[in-house]
Amino acid sequence: MRAVVVQHEEHEGLGLLKAPLEEVGYTLTTRFRCVEHKDLDAELVVVLGGSMSVAAADLHPFLRDELGLLTERLALGRPTLGLCLGAQLLATAAGATVTRGKNGLEVGVAPVRWTRQGLEDPAVAGLPPKSVMAHWHEDTWSAVPDGVLLASTDRYTQQAFRVGRSYGFQFHPELTADAYGDWLTRDAELLELDGRDVAELRTALPKLKAAETQNAEFLSRLVRVLAR
């Protein structure tokens, strides 16, 4: 089986998702800010996060190519997994509208609340009602047509969805505490310009570290569902 991984930033990789994909038997093909026509036939496409917005497709033409691919895969019933920007692209391909969130930047380590339908989903079933995840986004989307809302936070309702055989997650279940700490260091100046206390954000990293085992188990279950 082939899994195409679409990467948008050098520092954003698969993290905790890599091992489950390989354990299920996927051969990983990484593409950086591009897709190919043959990716339409891949058993799985994983679209990772990025600093750009779906609304900036004119500045980033590769986003248009990705949207075209995801739209076709949805029409054909082939599974895609979208994380952060990837989830926004998947939501757009499914007919939702992505906009700048009215509640501002959501960044830090905080729980997501799984919906009733989320807790009944085969990928989520077995998790507690709340799970600790890493967040770093400012855009959000409208309800996904024919989609199932899986999770919300206090700041934004649309945090995770399933549409057909595909899943989108606004948060980052793949991120380890070490990787997220590196992100905070890397973009400390930008966060401080936004009025964020980076030192305070770092105090929550132990919570993310403690959640890694559960998040890895969740990703393992998710990958098995996607592989069906």
Protein backbone atom coordinates (compact mmCIF):
# COMPACT_ATOMS: atom_id res chain seq x y z
CA MET A 1 0.00 0.00 0.00
CA ARG A 2 1.14 3.51 -0.77
CA ALA A 3 0.59 6.56 1.43
CA VAL A 4 1.42 9.95 -0.07
CA VAL A 5 2.42 12.50 2.57
CA VAL A 6 2.04 16.13 1.49
CA GLN A 7 4.33 18.35 3.54
CA HIS A 8 4.22 22.17 3.58
CA GLU A 9 6.94 23.11 6.07
CA GLU A 10 10.39 21.61 6.67
CA HIS A 11 9.76 21.41 10.42
CA GLU A 12 6.31 19.77 10.18
CA GLY A 13 6.50 16.02 9.70
CA LEU A 14 4.52 12.92 10.58
CA GLY A 15 5.65 12.71 14.20
CA LEU A 16 3.67 10.08 16.10
CA LEU A 17 1.83 9.16 12.89
CA LYS A 18 4.85 7.67 11.13
CA ALA A 19 5.11 4.43 13.10
CA PRO A 20 1.40 3.44 12.77
CA LEU A 21 1.49 4.04 9.02
CA GLU A 22 4.52 1.81 8.61
CA GLU A 23 3.16 -0.84 10.97
CA VAL A 24 -0.02 -1.19 8.89
CA GLY A 25 2.14 -1.68 5.82
CA TYR A 26 2.12 1.66 4.01
CA THR A 27 5.09 2.65 1.88
CA LEU A 28 5.53 6.38 2.46
CA THR A 29 6.06 8.83 -0.40
CA THR A 30 6.69 12.43 0.72
CA ARG A 31 5.91 15.40 -1.50
CA PHE A 32 6.90 18.94 -0.53
CA ARG A 33 4.35 21.55 -1.61
CA CYS A 34 3.24 19.53 -4.62
CA VAL A 35 1.12 16.58 -5.69
CA GLU A 36 1.16 14.35 -8.75
CA HIS A 37 -1.71 12.96 -10.79
CA LYS A 38 -0.83 9.39 -9.80
CA ASP A 39 -1.48 10.33 -6.16
CA LEU A 40 -5.17 10.02 -7.01
CA ASP A 41 -4.74 6.24 -6.93
CA ALA A 42 -2.73 6.06 -3.69
CA GLU A 43 -4.34 3.98 -0.97
CA LEU A 44 -4.00 6.97 1.38
CA VAL A 45 -3.09 10.66 1.15
CA VAL A 46 -1.99 12.51 4.30
CA VAL A 47 -1.92 16.31 4.09
CA LEU A 48 0.05 18.00 6.88
CA GLY A 49 -0.13 21.49 8.34
CA GLY A 50 1.45 24.71 7.14
CA SER A 51 1.71 28.41 7.82
CA MET A 52 -0.25 29.43 4.71
CA SER A 53 -4.02 29.88 4.47
CA VAL A 54 -6.39 28.17 2.07
CA ALA A 55 -7.52 31.69 1.12
CA ALA A 56 -3.99 32.40 -0.15
CA ALA A 57 -4.14 29.87 -2.98
CA ASP A 58 -3.31 32.64 -5.47
CA LEU A 59 0.02 33.10 -3.68
CA HIS A 60 0.57 29.36 -3.29
CA PRO A 61 -0.58 27.60 -6.49
CA PHE A 62 0.27 24.18 -5.04
CA LEU A 63 -2.75 24.60 -2.75
CA ARG A 64 -5.01 24.62 -5.81
CA ASP A 65 -3.42 21.39 -7.00
CA GLU A 66 -3.96 19.82 -3.58
CA LEU A 67 -7.58 20.94 -3.50
CA GLY A 68 -8.14 19.40 -6.91
CA LEU A 69 -6.63 16.11 -5.77
CA LEU A 70 -8.66 16.01 -2.54
CA THR A 71 -11.88 16.87 -4.37
CA GLU A 72 -11.34 13.98 -6.78
CA ARG A 73 -10.42 11.56 -4.02
CA LEU A 74 -13.59 12.45 -2.10
CA ALA A 75 -15.67 11.89 -5.22
CA LEU A 76 -14.04 8.48 -5.70
CA GLY A 77 -14.38 7.50 -2.03
CA ARG A 78 -10.64 7.24 -1.45
CA PRO A 79 -9.43 8.14 2.04
CA THR A 80 -7.52 11.26 2.97
CA LEU A 81 -6.25 12.39 6.36
CA GLY A 82 -5.87 16.14 6.85
CA LEU A 83 -4.08 17.75 9.79
CA CYS A 84 -4.45 21.50 10.52
CA LEU A 85 -3.98 23.12 7.06
CA GLY A 86 -4.64 19.67 5.61
CA ALA A 87 -7.98 19.55 7.43
CA GLN A 88 -8.85 23.02 6.11
CA LEU A 89 -8.07 21.87 2.57
CA LEU A 90 -10.15 18.72 3.04
CA ALA A 91 -13.06 20.73 4.45
CA THR A 92 -12.88 23.07 1.44
CA ALA A 93 -12.80 20.12 -0.96
CA ALA A 94 -15.91 18.75 0.76
CA GLY A 95 -17.80 22.03 0.26
CA ALA A 96 -17.20 23.91 3.53
CA THR A 97 -15.96 27.51 3.71
CA VAL A 98 -12.67 28.27 5.47
CA THR A 99 -12.40 31.71 7.10
CA ARG A 100 -10.23 33.54 9.61
CA GLY A 101 -11.61 32.60 13.02
CA LYS A 102 -13.39 35.35 14.95
CA ASN A 103 -11.92 34.10 18.23
CA GLY A 104 -8.33 34.65 17.17
CA LEU A 105 -5.29 32.42 17.31
CA GLU A 106 -5.72 29.12 19.14
CA VAL A 107 -2.27 28.06 20.29
CA GLY A 108 -1.05 25.91 23.13
CA VAL A 109 -1.77 22.57 24.78
CA ALA A 110 -5.44 22.17 25.63
CA PRO A 111 -8.18 19.53 25.62
CA VAL A 112 -10.57 18.81 22.79
CA ARG A 113 -14.07 17.57 23.58
CA TRP A 114 -15.19 14.62 21.51
CA THR A 115 -18.81 14.82 20.43
CA ARG A 116 -21.26 12.00 21.03
CA GLN A 117 -20.90 10.99 17.39
CA GLY A 118 -17.14 11.32 17.75
CA LEU A 119 -17.04 8.87 20.64
CA GLU A 120 -19.06 6.45 18.51
CA ASP A 121 -16.62 6.72 15.59
CA PRO A 122 -14.44 3.61 15.16
CA ALA A 123 -11.26 5.73 15.15
CA VAL A 124 -12.15 7.61 18.36
CA ALA A 125 -14.05 4.95 20.30
CA GLY A 126 -12.32 4.09 23.56
CA LEU A 127 -10.96 7.57 24.20
CA PRO A 128 -12.18 9.61 27.21
CA PRO A 129 -14.61 12.50 26.51
CA LYS A 130 -11.66 14.92 26.44
CA SER A 131 -8.16 14.46 25.01
CA VAL A 132 -5.15 16.74 25.43
CA MET A 133 -3.82 17.98 22.08
CA ALA A 134 -1.48 20.60 20.64
CA HIS A 135 -3.10 23.56 18.85
CA TRP A 136 -1.73 26.20 16.50
CA HIS A 137 -4.21 27.72 14.06
CA GLU A 138 -6.26 30.81 13.37
CA ASP A 139 -8.52 29.71 10.51
CA THR A 140 -11.66 27.66 10.91
CA TRP A 141 -14.37 26.26 8.64
CA SER A 142 -18.15 26.08 8.39
CA ALA A 143 -19.95 22.80 8.97
CA VAL A 144 -18.78 20.23 6.42
CA PRO A 145 -21.63 19.14 4.10
CA ASP A 146 -22.47 15.48 4.77
CA GLY A 147 -19.70 15.47 7.39
CA VAL A 148 -19.79 14.26 10.97
CA LEU A 149 -18.50 16.67 13.64
CA LEU A 150 -16.13 14.69 15.85
CA ALA A 151 -14.63 17.27 18.24
CA SER A 152 -14.80 20.88 19.45
CA THR A 153 -12.97 23.23 21.82
CA ASP A 154 -14.17 26.20 23.84
CA ARG A 155 -12.68 28.55 21.22
CA TYR A 156 -13.80 26.84 18.00
CA THR A 157 -16.62 24.37 17.32
CA GLN A 158 -15.14 22.87 14.16
CA GLN A 159 -12.12 20.88 15.33
CA ALA A 160 -12.48 17.45 13.71
CA PHE A 161 -14.74 15.78 11.17
CA ARG A 162 -15.26 12.67 9.12
CA VAL A 163 -16.61 12.86 5.60
CA GLY A 164 -16.97 9.63 3.68
CA ARG A 165 -13.80 7.62 4.40
CA SER A 166 -11.72 10.74 5.14
CA TYR A 167 -10.85 12.54 8.38
CA GLY A 168 -9.78 16.08 9.17
CA PHE A 169 -8.28 17.32 12.46
CA GLN A 170 -7.65 21.00 13.15
CA PHE A 171 -5.37 20.14 16.08
CA HIS A 172 -2.14 18.14 16.02
CA PRO A 173 -2.47 14.60 17.47
CA GLU A 174 0.84 13.74 15.77
CA LEU A 175 2.92 16.26 17.71
CA THR A 176 5.21 15.21 20.53
CA ALA A 177 5.96 17.56 23.42
CA ASP A 178 9.57 17.85 22.25
CA ALA A 179 8.53 18.83 18.72
CA TYR A 180 5.96 21.32 19.98
CA GLY A 181 8.55 22.83 22.28
CA ASP A 182 10.79 23.31 19.24
CA TRP A 183 7.93 25.07 17.44
CA LEU A 184 7.48 27.44 20.38
CA THR A 185 11.18 28.25 20.32
CA ARG A 186 11.25 28.66 16.56
CA ASP A 187 8.33 31.12 16.44
CA ALA A 188 8.72 32.74 19.85
CA GLU A 189 9.10 36.24 18.41
CA LEU A 190 5.93 35.94 16.31
CA LEU A 191 3.97 34.63 19.29
CA GLU A 192 5.17 37.47 21.50
CA LEU A 193 4.17 40.00 18.84
CA ASP A 194 0.70 38.44 19.03
CA GLY A 195 0.69 39.03 22.77
CA ARG A 196 1.37 35.42 23.79
CA ASP A 197 3.53 34.48 26.75
CA VAL A 198 5.81 31.77 25.37
CA ALA A 199 7.13 30.82 28.80
CA GLU A 200 3.56 30.23 29.94
CA LEU A 201 2.79 28.16 26.85
CA ARG A 202 5.80 26.00 27.62
CA THR A 203 4.50 25.19 31.11
CA ALA A 204 1.82 22.98 29.48
CA LEU A 205 4.33 20.81 27.61
CA PRO A 206 4.39 18.15 30.39
CA LYS A 207 0.64 17.67 29.84
CA LEU A 208 1.28 16.98 26.16
CA LYS A 209 4.12 14.61 27.08
CA ALA A 210 1.78 12.69 29.39
CA ALA A 211 -0.80 12.43 26.59
CA GLU A 212 1.61 11.03 23.99
CA THR A 213 0.87 7.37 24.69
CA GLN A 214 -2.88 7.91 24.38
CA ASN A 215 -2.49 10.05 21.26
CA ALA A 216 -0.23 7.44 19.66
CA GLU A 217 -2.83 4.75 20.38
CA PHE A 218 -5.51 6.97 18.85
CA LEU A 219 -3.43 7.46 15.69
CA SER A 220 -2.80 3.73 15.46
CA ARG A 221 -6.55 3.07 15.60
CA LEU A 222 -7.19 5.86 13.09
CA VAL A 223 -4.69 4.43 10.61
CA ARG A 224 -6.26 0.99 10.84
CA VAL A 225 -9.68 2.50 10.10
CA LEU A 226 -8.29 4.41 7.11
CA ALA A 227 -6.70 1.22 5.79
CA ARG A 228 -9.96 -0.73 5.67
